[in-house]
Amino acid sequence: MSVADFRRWAEMPVGPKPMLSVVVPTYNEEWRILPTIGAIANHVSSLGFEWELVVSDDGSSDTTTDLVGALGLTNLRLIAAPKNQGKGAAVRAGVLASRGRYILFADADQSTPIEQVDAMLRPLRDQRADITIGSRASDGAQVAKKSLLRQTMSRGLQVAVRQLLPLGLSDTQCGFKAFTAEAAHQLFSLQRIDGFSFDLEILYLARRHGMNVVEIPVHWIDAPGSTVDPHRVALGFLRDLIGIRLMHAGKHYAPAPTNPDRYVASEGAVS
């Protein structure tokens, strides 16, 4: 990225419908949010299209929102929830406020480096997919520094997904997913789960609405400093998984307007 690329993005407002919106959910990320914004701006500004960055804060009790607000970047928008509601709520707020033709959400810890957005956008721009999801389990993926506990829990939860809510996907929980604007706004307006399991509900709804999902193998590293309790998250995940099944069985979700046979789960490759 040249200095001119960054200054253009930082100072000149993009049009009402930029090519890409990058949504970053945050909660008490004061020690890494500035490097994350820098990494995202460094790469995406070099891609040659208009884009915006949406930081969606989930009621942080530290200085995260102060730091973001003080940057004064023209095409960075901050959405701050008055209280902590959950990652799913933060991502939903950011996605529904996004104006881009394509919308990517990426975790603030940059476990999946932003440089992989190029591969995520390609199937969307080629109209081969409505959604692309980063996968740590597909051929070609690389995973580093993932603890044995997290590996074991991840495998167990994916087994539960395959048994209770088969979606034909190898990894539903990687925090790196991209959508066409139409798909994103439709799905997130229907989303009900506010916690960490929201990804699973979004992908269930995508299948229900006949959307085409492509998995992209990603390079992923277990970033240090996570405040997430894996045991609590696992229990919540199982609770939400059962809840989705019950809501499905009870027909609590709105009827799908499209042909569910159109849904395809397939894999791409990082180039």
Protein backbone atom coordinates (compact mmCIF):
# COMPACT_ATOMS: atom_id res chain seq x y z
CA MET A 1 0.00 0.00 0.00
CA SER A 2 1.24 3.47 -0.81
CA VAL A 3 0.82 6.39 1.53
CA ALA A 4 -1.43 7.95 -1.11
CA ASP A 5 -3.77 4.91 -1.03
CA PHE A 6 -4.20 5.18 2.72
CA ARG A 7 -4.61 8.96 2.76
CA ARG A 8 -7.26 8.74 0.06
CA TRP A 9 -9.23 6.21 2.11
CA ALA A 10 -8.66 8.06 5.38
CA GLU A 11 -9.67 11.49 4.08
CA MET A 12 -12.01 11.17 1.07
CA PRO A 13 -15.55 9.85 1.70
CA VAL A 14 -16.51 6.86 -0.38
CA GLY A 15 -19.75 6.76 -2.34
CA PRO A 16 -23.07 5.55 -0.92
CA LYS A 17 -22.43 1.97 -2.09
CA PRO A 18 -18.75 1.04 -1.77
CA MET A 19 -17.45 -2.25 -3.09
CA LEU A 20 -16.72 -3.70 0.36
CA SER A 21 -17.66 -3.25 3.99
CA VAL A 22 -15.37 -4.85 6.57
CA VAL A 23 -17.13 -5.38 9.91
CA VAL A 24 -15.00 -5.94 13.02
CA PRO A 25 -16.85 -6.83 16.24
CA THR A 26 -15.06 -5.70 19.39
CA TYR A 27 -15.33 -6.18 23.13
CA ASN A 28 -12.57 -4.83 25.39
CA GLU A 29 -9.96 -4.84 22.62
CA GLU A 30 -8.08 -1.67 23.63
CA TRP A 31 -4.66 -3.29 23.40
CA ARG A 32 -5.01 -4.61 19.85
CA ILE A 33 -7.73 -2.66 18.05
CA LEU A 34 -5.35 -0.03 16.64
CA PRO A 35 -2.93 -2.59 15.11
CA THR A 36 -5.94 -4.44 13.71
CA ILE A 37 -7.34 -1.31 12.07
CA GLY A 38 -3.87 -0.55 10.72
CA ALA A 39 -3.49 -4.04 9.21
CA ILE A 40 -6.93 -3.94 7.59
CA ALA A 41 -6.48 -0.43 6.21
CA ASN A 42 -2.99 -1.29 4.94
CA HIS A 43 -4.20 -4.20 2.84
CA VAL A 44 -7.71 -3.27 1.72
CA SER A 45 -6.75 0.27 0.69
CA SER A 46 -4.31 -1.25 -1.81
CA LEU A 47 -6.97 -3.29 -3.64
CA GLY A 48 -8.15 -0.47 -5.88
CA PHE A 49 -11.81 -0.14 -4.92
CA GLU A 50 -13.90 1.89 -2.50
CA TRP A 51 -14.47 0.34 0.91
CA GLU A 52 -15.51 1.15 4.44
CA LEU A 53 -14.55 -0.19 7.86
CA VAL A 54 -17.29 -0.70 10.45
CA VAL A 55 -16.19 -1.32 14.05
CA SER A 56 -19.16 -2.69 15.98
CA ASP A 57 -18.48 -2.55 19.70
CA ASP A 58 -20.36 -4.79 22.11
CA GLY A 59 -20.48 -2.50 25.13
CA SER A 60 -16.77 -2.46 25.98
CA SER A 61 -15.86 -1.35 29.50
CA ASP A 62 -12.32 -0.31 28.52
CA THR A 63 -11.09 2.42 26.14
CA THR A 64 -11.77 0.56 22.87
CA THR A 65 -14.41 2.98 21.61
CA ASP A 66 -12.41 6.05 22.69
CA LEU A 67 -9.39 4.84 20.73
CA VAL A 68 -11.43 4.09 17.61
CA GLY A 69 -13.33 7.37 17.78
CA ALA A 70 -10.15 9.39 18.20
CA LEU A 71 -8.67 8.16 14.93
CA GLY A 72 -10.84 10.47 12.85
CA LEU A 73 -10.71 8.27 9.74
CA THR A 74 -13.36 9.37 7.26
CA ASN A 75 -14.39 5.90 6.10
CA LEU A 76 -14.28 4.23 9.50
CA ARG A 77 -17.60 4.08 11.31
CA LEU A 78 -18.05 3.14 14.96
CA ILE A 79 -21.23 1.52 16.21
CA ALA A 80 -21.27 1.31 20.00
CA ALA A 81 -23.85 -0.78 21.88
CA PRO A 82 -24.86 0.69 25.26
CA LYS A 83 -24.30 -2.67 26.97
CA ASN A 84 -22.74 -6.07 26.32
CA GLN A 85 -25.14 -8.29 24.35
CA GLY A 86 -22.93 -10.86 22.65
CA LYS A 87 -20.78 -11.25 19.57
CA GLY A 88 -23.75 -12.21 17.41
CA ALA A 89 -25.53 -8.99 18.31
CA ALA A 90 -22.42 -6.94 17.53
CA VAL A 91 -21.88 -8.57 14.14
CA ARG A 92 -25.57 -8.18 13.28
CA ALA A 93 -25.51 -4.45 14.11
CA GLY A 94 -22.39 -3.95 12.01
CA VAL A 95 -23.65 -5.94 9.04
CA LEU A 96 -27.06 -4.28 8.95
CA ALA A 97 -25.39 -0.85 9.04
CA SER A 98 -23.01 -1.75 6.20
CA ARG A 99 -23.42 -0.22 2.75
CA GLY A 100 -20.99 -2.32 0.70
CA ARG A 101 -21.86 -4.55 -2.24
CA TYR A 102 -19.97 -7.24 -0.34
CA ILE A 103 -19.67 -7.55 3.42
CA LEU A 104 -16.90 -9.33 5.32
CA PHE A 105 -16.76 -9.78 9.05
CA ALA A 106 -13.39 -10.48 10.63
CA ASP A 107 -12.39 -11.01 14.25
CA ALA A 108 -10.47 -8.25 15.99
CA ASP A 109 -7.62 -10.61 16.87
CA GLN A 110 -6.82 -11.13 13.16
CA SER A 111 -6.53 -14.90 13.67
CA THR A 112 -7.30 -15.05 9.96
CA PRO A 113 -5.13 -12.36 8.37
CA ILE A 114 -6.99 -9.77 6.30
CA GLU A 115 -4.80 -10.57 3.28
CA GLN A 116 -7.06 -13.57 2.68
CA VAL A 117 -10.01 -11.33 1.84
CA ASP A 118 -8.96 -11.49 -1.82
CA ALA A 119 -9.77 -15.22 -2.01
CA MET A 120 -13.01 -14.69 -0.07
CA LEU A 121 -14.30 -12.09 -2.52
CA ARG A 122 -13.49 -13.93 -5.73
CA PRO A 123 -16.46 -16.39 -5.72
CA LEU A 124 -18.83 -13.57 -4.75
CA ARG A 125 -17.65 -11.27 -7.52
CA ASP A 126 -17.80 -14.14 -10.02
CA GLN A 127 -21.40 -14.81 -8.89
CA ARG A 128 -20.50 -18.38 -7.93
CA ALA A 129 -21.52 -17.87 -4.31
CA ASP A 130 -23.78 -15.86 -2.03
CA ILE A 131 -21.51 -16.55 0.95
CA THR A 132 -17.87 -17.54 1.40
CA ILE A 133 -16.68 -18.88 4.74
CA GLY A 134 -13.15 -19.30 5.99
CA SER A 135 -12.45 -22.92 6.83
CA ARG A 136 -9.73 -24.28 9.09
CA ALA A 137 -10.63 -27.87 8.22
CA SER A 138 -10.60 -27.87 4.39
CA ASP A 139 -7.71 -29.16 2.31
CA GLY A 140 -5.11 -26.43 2.05
CA ALA A 141 -5.93 -24.77 5.38
CA GLN A 142 -3.14 -24.08 7.84
CA VAL A 143 -3.74 -23.86 11.60
CA ALA A 144 -1.03 -22.78 14.04
CA LYS A 145 -0.75 -22.62 17.84
CA LYS A 146 -4.17 -24.09 18.52
CA SER A 147 -4.12 -25.67 21.96
CA LEU A 148 -4.94 -29.34 22.41
CA LEU A 149 -7.99 -28.36 24.48
CA ARG A 150 -9.35 -26.14 21.71
CA GLN A 151 -8.62 -28.77 19.07
CA THR A 152 -10.50 -31.41 21.04
CA MET A 153 -13.46 -29.14 21.76
CA SER A 154 -13.65 -27.97 18.14
CA ARG A 155 -13.74 -31.54 16.84
CA GLY A 156 -16.43 -32.47 19.36
CA LEU A 157 -18.61 -29.50 18.48
CA GLN A 158 -18.31 -30.18 14.75
CA VAL A 159 -19.40 -33.79 15.37
CA ALA A 160 -22.43 -32.41 17.21
CA VAL A 161 -23.21 -30.12 14.28
CA ARG A 162 -23.00 -32.98 11.80
CA GLN A 163 -25.38 -35.06 13.91
CA LEU A 164 -27.91 -32.41 14.93
CA LEU A 165 -27.79 -29.86 12.11
CA PRO A 166 -26.01 -31.31 9.07
CA LEU A 167 -24.96 -28.45 6.80
CA GLY A 168 -22.33 -30.17 4.68
CA LEU A 169 -19.62 -27.78 5.88
CA SER A 170 -16.28 -28.62 7.45
CA ASP A 171 -15.98 -25.53 9.71
CA THR A 172 -18.91 -23.37 10.73
CA GLN A 173 -17.22 -21.21 13.39
CA CYS A 174 -14.22 -19.49 11.78
CA GLY A 175 -14.62 -15.74 12.33
CA PHE A 176 -13.98 -14.82 8.71
CA LYS A 177 -17.05 -14.84 6.47
CA ALA A 178 -18.11 -12.78 3.45
CA PHE A 179 -21.51 -12.20 1.87
CA THR A 180 -23.18 -10.41 -0.97
CA ALA A 181 -25.08 -7.47 0.46
CA GLU A 182 -28.40 -9.10 -0.42
CA ALA A 183 -27.54 -12.33 1.37
CA ALA A 184 -26.09 -10.57 4.41
CA HIS A 185 -29.01 -8.24 5.00
CA GLN A 186 -31.55 -11.01 4.50
CA LEU A 187 -29.84 -13.46 6.85
CA PHE A 188 -28.84 -11.07 9.63
CA SER A 189 -32.31 -9.55 9.72
CA LEU A 190 -33.59 -13.06 10.57
CA GLN A 191 -30.82 -13.96 13.05
CA ARG A 192 -31.94 -14.48 16.65
CA ILE A 193 -28.86 -15.78 18.46
CA ASP A 194 -26.76 -13.03 20.07
CA GLY A 195 -23.88 -15.18 21.34
CA PHE A 196 -20.91 -16.98 19.78
CA SER A 197 -23.11 -19.54 18.01
CA PHE A 198 -24.62 -16.98 15.65
CA ASP A 199 -22.48 -18.30 12.77
CA LEU A 200 -24.24 -21.64 12.99
CA GLU A 201 -27.65 -20.00 12.82
CA ILE A 202 -26.62 -17.84 9.85
CA LEU A 203 -25.45 -20.92 7.92
CA TYR A 204 -28.60 -22.82 8.84
CA LEU A 205 -30.67 -19.91 7.53
CA ALA A 206 -28.54 -19.79 4.38
CA ARG A 207 -29.37 -23.42 3.69
CA ARG A 208 -33.03 -22.81 4.46
CA HIS A 209 -33.09 -19.94 1.98
CA GLY A 210 -31.29 -21.81 -0.78
CA MET A 211 -28.08 -19.79 -0.77
CA ASN A 212 -24.83 -20.97 -2.27
CA VAL A 213 -22.02 -21.30 0.31
CA VAL A 214 -18.37 -21.84 -0.68
CA GLU A 215 -15.68 -22.81 1.84
CA ILE A 216 -12.26 -21.19 1.45
CA PRO A 217 -9.34 -22.85 3.24
CA VAL A 218 -7.55 -20.22 5.31
CA HIS A 219 -4.35 -19.76 7.22
CA TRP A 220 -5.32 -19.34 10.89
CA ILE A 221 -3.33 -18.73 14.05
CA ASP A 222 -4.62 -18.90 17.61
CA ALA A 223 -4.02 -15.31 18.66
CA PRO A 224 -2.90 -14.70 22.26
CA GLY A 225 -4.87 -12.76 24.82
CA SER A 226 -8.34 -14.19 24.27
CA THR A 227 -10.75 -13.57 27.14
CA VAL A 228 -13.15 -16.24 25.92
CA ASP A 229 -13.88 -19.13 28.30
CA PRO A 230 -13.87 -22.19 25.99
CA HIS A 231 -15.97 -24.31 28.38
CA ARG A 232 -18.67 -21.64 28.65
CA VAL A 233 -18.65 -21.11 24.89
CA ALA A 234 -18.93 -24.87 24.25
CA LEU A 235 -21.92 -25.21 26.56
CA GLY A 236 -23.58 -22.19 24.94
CA PHE A 237 -22.88 -23.62 21.50
CA LEU A 238 -24.60 -26.91 22.36
CA ARG A 239 -27.54 -25.06 23.89
CA ASP A 240 -27.95 -22.90 20.79
CA LEU A 241 -27.54 -25.88 18.47
CA ILE A 242 -30.41 -27.64 20.20
CA GLY A 243 -32.37 -24.37 20.19
CA ILE A 244 -32.02 -24.05 16.41
CA ARG A 245 -33.26 -27.62 16.00
CA LEU A 246 -36.25 -26.91 18.23
CA MET A 247 -37.09 -23.65 16.45
CA HIS A 248 -36.82 -25.50 13.14
CA ALA A 249 -39.06 -28.32 14.35
CA GLY A 250 -41.55 -25.83 15.79
CA LYS A 251 -41.54 -23.81 12.55
CA HIS A 252 -40.55 -20.63 14.41
CA TYR A 253 -38.37 -19.45 11.53
CA ALA A 254 -40.02 -17.55 8.69
CA PRO A 255 -40.80 -19.69 5.62
CA ALA A 256 -38.05 -19.68 3.04
CA PRO A 257 -39.03 -17.78 -0.13
CA THR A 258 -36.51 -19.56 -2.35
CA ASN A 259 -35.80 -23.13 -3.42
CA PRO A 260 -33.63 -24.82 -0.76
CA ASP A 261 -32.32 -27.27 -3.39
CA ARG A 262 -30.17 -24.39 -4.70
CA TYR A 263 -27.97 -24.60 -1.59
CA VAL A 264 -24.50 -25.87 -2.35
CA ALA A 265 -21.62 -26.36 0.09
CA SER A 266 -18.32 -26.51 -1.76
CA GLU A 267 -14.66 -25.66 -1.28
CA GLY A 268 -12.39 -23.11 -2.88
CA ALA A 269 -8.68 -22.53 -2.50
CA VAL A 270 -6.43 -19.78 -1.24
CA SER A 271 -4.30 -18.46 -4.06
